[in-house]
All heavy atoms as atom14 arrays in JSON, in Angstrom:
{
  "sequence": "HRLDLSLGTSYIRDTAIIGFMANELISIVENAGLMGLPL",
  "atom14_mask": [
    [1, 1, 1, 1, 1, 1, 1, 1, 1, 1, 0, 0, 0, 0],
    [1, 1, 1, 1, 1, 1, 1, 1, 1, 1, 1, 0, 0, 0],
    [1, 1, 1, 1, 1, 1, 1, 1, 0, 0, 0, 0, 0, 0],
    [1, 1, 1, 1, 1, 1, 1, 1, 0, 0, 0, 0, 0, 0],
    [1, 1, 1, 1, 1, 1, 1, 1, 0, 0, 0, 0, 0, 0],
    [1, 1, 1, 1, 1, 1, 0, 0, 0, 0, 0, 0, 0, 0],
    [1, 1, 1, 1, 1, 1, 1, 1, 0, 0, 0, 0, 0, 0],
    [1, 1, 1, 1, 0, 0, 0, 0, 0, 0, 0, 0, 0, 0],
    [1, 1, 1, 1, 1, 1, 1, 0, 0, 0, 0, 0, 0, 0],
    [1, 1, 1, 1, 1, 1, 0, 0, 0, 0, 0, 0, 0, 0],
    [1, 1, 1, 1, 1, 1, 1, 1, 1, 1, 1, 1, 0, 0],
    [1, 1, 1, 1, 1, 1, 1, 1, 0, 0, 0, 0, 0, 0],
    [1, 1, 1, 1, 1, 1, 1, 1, 1, 1, 1, 0, 0, 0],
    [1, 1, 1, 1, 1, 1, 1, 1, 0, 0, 0, 0, 0, 0],
    [1, 1, 1, 1, 1, 1, 1, 0, 0, 0, 0, 0, 0, 0],
    [1, 1, 1, 1, 1, 0, 0, 0, 0, 0, 0, 0, 0, 0],
    [1, 1, 1, 1, 1, 1, 1, 1, 0, 0, 0, 0, 0, 0],
    [1, 1, 1, 1, 1, 1, 1, 1, 0, 0, 0, 0, 0, 0],
    [1, 1, 1, 1, 0, 0, 0, 0, 0, 0, 0, 0, 0, 0],
    [1, 1, 1, 1, 1, 1, 1, 1, 1, 1, 1, 0, 0, 0],
    [1, 1, 1, 1, 1, 1, 1, 1, 0, 0, 0, 0, 0, 0],
    [1, 1, 1, 1, 1, 0, 0, 0, 0, 0, 0, 0, 0, 0],
    [1, 1, 1, 1, 1, 1, 1, 1, 0, 0, 0, 0, 0, 0],
    [1, 1, 1, 1, 1, 1, 1, 1, 1, 0, 0, 0, 0, 0],
    [1, 1, 1, 1, 1, 1, 1, 1, 0, 0, 0, 0, 0, 0],
    [1, 1, 1, 1, 1, 1, 1, 1, 0, 0, 0, 0, 0, 0],
    [1, 1, 1, 1, 1, 1, 0, 0, 0, 0, 0, 0, 0, 0],
    [1, 1, 1, 1, 1, 1, 1, 1, 0, 0, 0, 0, 0, 0],
    [1, 1, 1, 1, 1, 1, 1, 0, 0, 0, 0, 0, 0, 0],
    [1, 1, 1, 1, 1, 1, 1, 1, 1, 0, 0, 0, 0, 0],
    [1, 1, 1, 1, 1, 1, 1, 1, 0, 0, 0, 0, 0, 0],
    [1, 1, 1, 1, 1, 0, 0, 0, 0, 0, 0, 0, 0, 0],
    [1, 1, 1, 1, 0, 0, 0, 0, 0, 0, 0, 0, 0, 0],
    [1, 1, 1, 1, 1, 1, 1, 1, 0, 0, 0, 0, 0, 0],
    [1, 1, 1, 1, 1, 1, 1, 1, 0, 0, 0, 0, 0, 0],
    [1, 1, 1, 1, 0, 0, 0, 0, 0, 0, 0, 0, 0, 0],
    [1, 1, 1, 1, 1, 1, 1, 1, 0, 0, 0, 0, 0, 0],
    [1, 1, 1, 1, 1, 1, 1, 0, 0, 0, 0, 0, 0, 0],
    [1, 1, 1, 1, 1, 1, 1, 1, 0, 0, 0, 0, 0, 0]
  ],
  "atom14_positions": [
    [[98.69, 102.35, 103.58], [99.44, 101.18, 103.94], [98.98, 100.56, 105.25], [98.81, 99.37, 105.37], [100.98, 101.52, 104.07], [101.77, 100.36, 104.61], [101.92, 99.17, 103.92], [102.43, 100.26, 105.78], [102.66, 98.36, 104.66], [103.0, 98.97, 105.76], [0.0, 0.0, 0.0], [0.0, 0.0, 0.0], [0.0, 0.0, 0.0], [0.0, 0.0, 0.0]],
    [[98.69, 101.38, 106.25], [98.2, 100.88, 107.51], [96.82, 100.25, 107.28], [96.47, 99.23, 107.96], [98.11, 101.98, 108.53], [99.45, 102.65, 108.86], [100.57, 101.7, 109.18], [100.32, 100.93, 110.39], [101.13, 100.0, 110.89], [102.29, 99.77, 110.32], [100.82, 99.37, 111.96], [0.0, 0.0, 0.0], [0.0, 0.0, 0.0], [0.0, 0.0, 0.0]],
    [[95.98, 100.81, 106.44], [94.67, 100.2, 106.12], [94.88, 98.83, 105.48], [94.13, 97.87, 105.78], [93.85, 101.09, 105.2], [93.12, 102.26, 105.85], [92.51, 103.16, 104.8], [92.05, 101.74, 106.79], [0.0, 0.0, 0.0], [0.0, 0.0, 0.0], [0.0, 0.0, 0.0], [0.0, 0.0, 0.0], [0.0, 0.0, 0.0], [0.0, 0.0, 0.0]],
    [[95.81, 98.71, 104.55], [96.11, 97.43, 103.93], [96.51, 96.42, 105.02], [96.06, 95.28, 105.01], [97.33, 97.55, 102.98], [96.92, 97.87, 101.58], [95.71, 97.67, 101.24], [97.75, 98.32, 100.75], [0.0, 0.0, 0.0], [0.0, 0.0, 0.0], [0.0, 0.0, 0.0], [0.0, 0.0, 0.0], [0.0, 0.0, 0.0], [0.0, 0.0, 0.0]],
    [[97.36, 96.81, 105.99], [97.76, 95.91, 107.02], [96.59, 95.48, 107.88], [96.39, 94.32, 108.26], [98.83, 96.53, 107.91], [100.21, 96.74, 107.23], [101.17, 97.45, 108.22], [100.8, 95.4, 106.81], [0.0, 0.0, 0.0], [0.0, 0.0, 0.0], [0.0, 0.0, 0.0], [0.0, 0.0, 0.0], [0.0, 0.0, 0.0], [0.0, 0.0, 0.0]],
    [[95.72, 96.48, 108.19], [94.57, 96.16, 109.09], [93.55, 95.3, 108.44], [92.94, 94.44, 109.07], [93.88, 97.49, 109.49], [94.77, 98.3, 110.23], [0.0, 0.0, 0.0], [0.0, 0.0, 0.0], [0.0, 0.0, 0.0], [0.0, 0.0, 0.0], [0.0, 0.0, 0.0], [0.0, 0.0, 0.0], [0.0, 0.0, 0.0], [0.0, 0.0, 0.0]],
    [[93.36, 95.5, 107.13], [92.34, 94.71, 106.41], [92.87, 93.45, 105.77], [92.11, 92.67, 105.2], [91.66, 95.57, 105.35], [90.93, 96.87, 105.87], [90.48, 97.68, 104.71], [89.83, 96.46, 106.77], [0.0, 0.0, 0.0], [0.0, 0.0, 0.0], [0.0, 0.0, 0.0], [0.0, 0.0, 0.0], [0.0, 0.0, 0.0], [0.0, 0.0, 0.0]],
    [[94.21, 93.29, 105.82], [94.77, 92.09, 105.17], [94.76, 92.15, 103.65], [94.73, 91.13, 102.98], [0.0, 0.0, 0.0], [0.0, 0.0, 0.0], [0.0, 0.0, 0.0], [0.0, 0.0, 0.0], [0.0, 0.0, 0.0], [0.0, 0.0, 0.0], [0.0, 0.0, 0.0], [0.0, 0.0, 0.0], [0.0, 0.0, 0.0], [0.0, 0.0, 0.0]],
    [[94.79, 93.36, 103.08], [94.82, 93.55, 101.62], [96.17, 94.04, 101.22], [97.03, 94.29, 102.01], [93.7, 94.55, 101.21], [93.97, 95.83, 101.79], [92.31, 94.11, 101.62], [0.0, 0.0, 0.0], [0.0, 0.0, 0.0], [0.0, 0.0, 0.0], [0.0, 0.0, 0.0], [0.0, 0.0, 0.0], [0.0, 0.0, 0.0], [0.0, 0.0, 0.0]],
    [[96.29, 94.24, 99.89], [97.57, 94.74, 99.4], [97.39, 95.74, 98.27], [98.3, 95.98, 97.51], [98.47, 93.57, 98.9], [97.8, 92.91, 97.85], [0.0, 0.0, 0.0], [0.0, 0.0, 0.0], [0.0, 0.0, 0.0], [0.0, 0.0, 0.0], [0.0, 0.0, 0.0], [0.0, 0.0, 0.0], [0.0, 0.0, 0.0], [0.0, 0.0, 0.0]],
    [[96.2, 96.34, 98.18], [95.95, 97.19, 96.99], [95.6, 98.65, 97.4], [95.64, 99.52, 96.53], [94.86, 96.63, 96.11], [93.53, 96.42, 96.86], [92.63, 97.49, 97.01], [93.22, 95.23, 97.42], [91.46, 97.31, 97.68], [92.07, 95.03, 98.12], [91.15, 96.08, 98.22], [90.01, 95.91, 98.9], [0.0, 0.0, 0.0], [0.0, 0.0, 0.0]],
    [[95.28, 98.91, 98.58], [94.85, 100.29, 98.98], [95.99, 101.24, 98.84], [95.88, 102.34, 98.26], [94.29, 100.28, 100.41], [93.03, 99.42, 100.47], [93.92, 101.74, 100.82], [92.51, 99.19, 101.87], [0.0, 0.0, 0.0], [0.0, 0.0, 0.0], [0.0, 0.0, 0.0], [0.0, 0.0, 0.0], [0.0, 0.0, 0.0], [0.0, 0.0, 0.0]],
    [[97.19, 100.89, 99.3], [98.36, 101.75, 99.17], [98.69, 102.04, 97.72], [98.97, 103.16, 97.31], [99.58, 101.2, 99.92], [100.75, 102.13, 99.89], [101.98, 101.43, 100.48], [102.58, 100.62, 99.41], [103.93, 100.57, 99.18], [104.71, 101.25, 99.89], [104.37, 99.86, 98.23], [0.0, 0.0, 0.0], [0.0, 0.0, 0.0], [0.0, 0.0, 0.0]],
    [[98.69, 100.96, 96.94], [99.06, 101.11, 95.49], [98.02, 102.01, 94.8], [98.35, 102.81, 93.93], [99.1, 99.73, 94.78], [100.29, 98.96, 95.26], [101.31, 99.59, 95.71], [100.29, 97.72, 95.13], [0.0, 0.0, 0.0], [0.0, 0.0, 0.0], [0.0, 0.0, 0.0], [0.0, 0.0, 0.0], [0.0, 0.0, 0.0], [0.0, 0.0, 0.0]],
    [[96.73, 101.9, 95.15], [95.69, 102.73, 94.54], [95.91, 104.16, 94.92], [95.81, 105.07, 94.08], [94.29, 102.25, 95.03], [94.15, 100.86, 94.68], [93.2, 103.08, 94.37], [0.0, 0.0, 0.0], [0.0, 0.0, 0.0], [0.0, 0.0, 0.0], [0.0, 0.0, 0.0], [0.0, 0.0, 0.0], [0.0, 0.0, 0.0], [0.0, 0.0, 0.0]],
    [[96.2, 104.41, 96.18], [96.48, 105.79, 96.61], [97.7, 106.36, 95.88], [97.66, 107.55, 95.43], [96.73, 105.83, 98.13], [0.0, 0.0, 0.0], [0.0, 0.0, 0.0], [0.0, 0.0, 0.0], [0.0, 0.0, 0.0], [0.0, 0.0, 0.0], [0.0, 0.0, 0.0], [0.0, 0.0, 0.0], [0.0, 0.0, 0.0], [0.0, 0.0, 0.0]],
    [[98.78, 105.58, 95.74], [99.98, 106.04, 95.1], [99.66, 106.34, 93.64], [100.1, 107.39, 93.12], [101.08, 104.98, 95.23], [101.63, 104.97, 96.68], [102.23, 105.35, 94.24], [102.6, 103.89, 96.97], [0.0, 0.0, 0.0], [0.0, 0.0, 0.0], [0.0, 0.0, 0.0], [0.0, 0.0, 0.0], [0.0, 0.0, 0.0], [0.0, 0.0, 0.0]],
    [[98.9, 105.5, 92.95], [98.57, 105.76, 91.52], [97.75, 107.03, 91.41], [98.01, 107.82, 90.5], [97.82, 104.55, 90.91], [98.8, 103.39, 90.82], [97.24, 104.9, 89.55], [98.14, 102.04, 90.5], [0.0, 0.0, 0.0], [0.0, 0.0, 0.0], [0.0, 0.0, 0.0], [0.0, 0.0, 0.0], [0.0, 0.0, 0.0], [0.0, 0.0, 0.0]],
    [[96.82, 107.24, 92.28], [95.98, 108.45, 92.26], [96.84, 109.72, 92.42], [96.73, 110.73, 91.7], [0.0, 0.0, 0.0], [0.0, 0.0, 0.0], [0.0, 0.0, 0.0], [0.0, 0.0, 0.0], [0.0, 0.0, 0.0], [0.0, 0.0, 0.0], [0.0, 0.0, 0.0], [0.0, 0.0, 0.0], [0.0, 0.0, 0.0], [0.0, 0.0, 0.0]],
    [[97.76, 109.67, 93.41], [98.61, 110.84, 93.64], [99.66, 111.03, 92.56], [100.01, 112.2, 92.22], [99.29, 110.72, 95.02], [98.38, 110.95, 96.15], [98.19, 110.01, 97.17], [97.7, 112.16, 96.29], [97.33, 110.26, 98.22], [96.85, 112.41, 97.35], [96.65, 111.48, 98.35], [0.0, 0.0, 0.0], [0.0, 0.0, 0.0], [0.0, 0.0, 0.0]],
    [[100.1, 109.95, 91.93], [101.01, 110.09, 90.79], [100.3, 110.77, 89.65], [100.9, 111.63, 88.98], [101.52, 108.7, 90.33], [102.69, 108.17, 91.14], [103.53, 106.76, 90.42], [102.28, 105.55, 90.21], [0.0, 0.0, 0.0], [0.0, 0.0, 0.0], [0.0, 0.0, 0.0], [0.0, 0.0, 0.0], [0.0, 0.0, 0.0], [0.0, 0.0, 0.0]],
    [[99.05, 110.43, 89.38], [98.31, 111.1, 88.33], [98.12, 112.58, 88.62], [98.28, 113.39, 87.71], [96.93, 110.41, 88.16], [0.0, 0.0, 0.0], [0.0, 0.0, 0.0], [0.0, 0.0, 0.0], [0.0, 0.0, 0.0], [0.0, 0.0, 0.0], [0.0, 0.0, 0.0], [0.0, 0.0, 0.0], [0.0, 0.0, 0.0], [0.0, 0.0, 0.0]],
    [[97.85, 112.89, 89.85], [97.7, 114.33, 90.27], [99.0, 115.08, 90.07], [99.03, 116.22, 89.56], [97.22, 114.37, 91.72], [96.89, 115.78, 92.11], [96.15, 116.45, 91.44], [97.42, 116.21, 93.29], [0.0, 0.0, 0.0], [0.0, 0.0, 0.0], [0.0, 0.0, 0.0], [0.0, 0.0, 0.0], [0.0, 0.0, 0.0], [0.0, 0.0, 0.0]],
    [[100.11, 114.48, 90.46], [101.45, 115.15, 90.28], [101.75, 115.32, 88.85], [102.32, 116.34, 88.4], [102.5, 114.35, 91.0], [102.39, 114.27, 92.5], [102.57, 115.62, 93.17], [103.27, 116.48, 92.7], [101.97, 115.79, 94.28], [0.0, 0.0, 0.0], [0.0, 0.0, 0.0], [0.0, 0.0, 0.0], [0.0, 0.0, 0.0], [0.0, 0.0, 0.0]],
    [[101.41, 114.33, 88.01], [101.71, 114.36, 86.58], [100.89, 115.5, 85.91], [101.43, 116.24, 85.09], [101.39, 113.05, 85.92], [101.83, 112.89, 84.47], [103.33, 113.14, 84.3], [101.44, 111.49, 83.98], [0.0, 0.0, 0.0], [0.0, 0.0, 0.0], [0.0, 0.0, 0.0], [0.0, 0.0, 0.0], [0.0, 0.0, 0.0], [0.0, 0.0, 0.0]],
    [[99.65, 115.66, 86.32], [98.87, 116.75, 85.78], [99.46, 118.11, 86.15], [99.57, 118.99, 85.31], [97.39, 116.69, 86.28], [96.7, 115.47, 85.67], [96.64, 117.95, 86.03], [95.37, 115.16, 86.29], [0.0, 0.0, 0.0], [0.0, 0.0, 0.0], [0.0, 0.0, 0.0], [0.0, 0.0, 0.0], [0.0, 0.0, 0.0], [0.0, 0.0, 0.0]],
    [[99.93, 118.22, 87.42], [100.55, 119.43, 87.85], [101.9, 119.74, 87.07], [102.14, 120.89, 86.76], [100.82, 119.42, 89.33], [101.36, 120.63, 89.81], [0.0, 0.0, 0.0], [0.0, 0.0, 0.0], [0.0, 0.0, 0.0], [0.0, 0.0, 0.0], [0.0, 0.0, 0.0], [0.0, 0.0, 0.0], [0.0, 0.0, 0.0], [0.0, 0.0, 0.0]],
    [[102.64, 118.71, 86.78], [103.89, 118.86, 86.04], [103.57, 119.36, 84.61], [104.23, 120.25, 84.12], [104.63, 117.52, 86.0], [105.18, 117.14, 87.35], [105.8, 117.59, 84.96], [105.74, 115.76, 87.5], [0.0, 0.0, 0.0], [0.0, 0.0, 0.0], [0.0, 0.0, 0.0], [0.0, 0.0, 0.0], [0.0, 0.0, 0.0], [0.0, 0.0, 0.0]],
    [[102.54, 118.79, 84.01], [102.15, 119.22, 82.67], [101.69, 120.66, 82.68], [101.99, 121.45, 81.8], [101.08, 118.27, 82.1], [100.52, 118.81, 80.79], [101.7, 116.87, 81.88], [0.0, 0.0, 0.0], [0.0, 0.0, 0.0], [0.0, 0.0, 0.0], [0.0, 0.0, 0.0], [0.0, 0.0, 0.0], [0.0, 0.0, 0.0], [0.0, 0.0, 0.0]],
    [[100.9, 121.02, 83.72], [100.46, 122.43, 83.82], [101.64, 123.38, 83.98], [101.66, 124.43, 83.35], [99.49, 122.58, 85.04], [98.13, 122.02, 84.87], [97.31, 122.07, 86.1], [97.85, 122.19, 87.22], [96.06, 121.97, 85.98], [0.0, 0.0, 0.0], [0.0, 0.0, 0.0], [0.0, 0.0, 0.0], [0.0, 0.0, 0.0], [0.0, 0.0, 0.0]],
    [[102.62, 122.97, 84.79], [103.82, 123.77, 84.93], [104.58, 123.95, 83.65], [105.08, 125.01, 83.31], [104.75, 123.23, 86.05], [104.22, 123.4, 87.41], [103.33, 124.23, 87.66], [104.69, 122.62, 88.36], [0.0, 0.0, 0.0], [0.0, 0.0, 0.0], [0.0, 0.0, 0.0], [0.0, 0.0, 0.0], [0.0, 0.0, 0.0], [0.0, 0.0, 0.0]],
    [[104.65, 122.85, 82.88], [105.32, 122.92, 81.6], [104.62, 123.89, 80.65], [105.24, 124.69, 79.95], [105.4, 121.56, 80.97], [0.0, 0.0, 0.0], [0.0, 0.0, 0.0], [0.0, 0.0, 0.0], [0.0, 0.0, 0.0], [0.0, 0.0, 0.0], [0.0, 0.0, 0.0], [0.0, 0.0, 0.0], [0.0, 0.0, 0.0], [0.0, 0.0, 0.0]],
    [[103.24, 123.91, 80.68], [102.48, 124.82, 79.89], [102.74, 126.25, 80.31], [102.83, 127.18, 79.53], [0.0, 0.0, 0.0], [0.0, 0.0, 0.0], [0.0, 0.0, 0.0], [0.0, 0.0, 0.0], [0.0, 0.0, 0.0], [0.0, 0.0, 0.0], [0.0, 0.0, 0.0], [0.0, 0.0, 0.0], [0.0, 0.0, 0.0], [0.0, 0.0, 0.0]],
    [[102.82, 126.52, 81.68], [103.06, 127.87, 82.16], [104.49, 128.33, 81.74], [104.77, 129.57, 81.74], [102.87, 127.93, 83.68], [101.47, 127.74, 84.15], [101.4, 127.59, 85.68], [100.62, 128.94, 83.7], [0.0, 0.0, 0.0], [0.0, 0.0, 0.0], [0.0, 0.0, 0.0], [0.0, 0.0, 0.0], [0.0, 0.0, 0.0], [0.0, 0.0, 0.0]],
    [[105.38, 127.4, 81.51], [106.74, 127.75, 81.05], [106.79, 128.08, 79.59], [107.8, 128.49, 79.07], [107.68, 126.59, 81.38], [108.03, 126.44, 82.83], [109.19, 125.06, 82.92], [109.12, 124.72, 84.69], [0.0, 0.0, 0.0], [0.0, 0.0, 0.0], [0.0, 0.0, 0.0], [0.0, 0.0, 0.0], [0.0, 0.0, 0.0], [0.0, 0.0, 0.0]],
    [[105.64, 127.85, 78.91], [105.64, 128.16, 77.49], [105.87, 126.95, 76.59], [106.0, 127.11, 75.4], [0.0, 0.0, 0.0], [0.0, 0.0, 0.0], [0.0, 0.0, 0.0], [0.0, 0.0, 0.0], [0.0, 0.0, 0.0], [0.0, 0.0, 0.0], [0.0, 0.0, 0.0], [0.0, 0.0, 0.0], [0.0, 0.0, 0.0], [0.0, 0.0, 0.0]],
    [[105.99, 125.76, 77.19], [106.2, 124.59, 76.39], [104.95, 124.28, 75.61], [103.87, 124.21, 76.19], [106.53, 123.42, 77.29], [106.93, 122.07, 76.63], [108.33, 122.21, 76.01], [106.92, 120.97, 77.64], [0.0, 0.0, 0.0], [0.0, 0.0, 0.0], [0.0, 0.0, 0.0], [0.0, 0.0, 0.0], [0.0, 0.0, 0.0], [0.0, 0.0, 0.0]],
    [[105.01, 124.11, 74.29], [103.84, 123.85, 73.52], [103.25, 122.46, 73.87], [103.97, 121.43, 73.8], [104.29, 123.92, 72.04], [105.77, 123.81, 72.09], [106.25, 124.2, 73.46], [0.0, 0.0, 0.0], [0.0, 0.0, 0.0], [0.0, 0.0, 0.0], [0.0, 0.0, 0.0], [0.0, 0.0, 0.0], [0.0, 0.0, 0.0], [0.0, 0.0, 0.0]],
    [[102.06, 122.45, 74.27], [101.4, 121.2, 74.7], [100.36, 120.81, 73.64], [99.64, 121.7, 73.09], [100.74, 121.33, 76.05], [101.64, 121.69, 77.2], [100.85, 121.98, 78.43], [102.63, 120.55, 77.49], [0.0, 0.0, 0.0], [0.0, 0.0, 0.0], [0.0, 0.0, 0.0], [0.0, 0.0, 0.0], [0.0, 0.0, 0.0], [0.0, 0.0, 0.0]]
  ]
}
C-alpha cells in the first residue's frame, strides 16, 4: 500500500493481496486433505 502511495498507483496492494489469498487457499486445501477430506 505504501508503494502504491509513493508511486501513485493503485494495483500493487491488490496484487499482493491476491497472491497471499492464493497462498492461504492452497494451505486451506492442504489442511482439508490432512483431515481426510476427499479432494
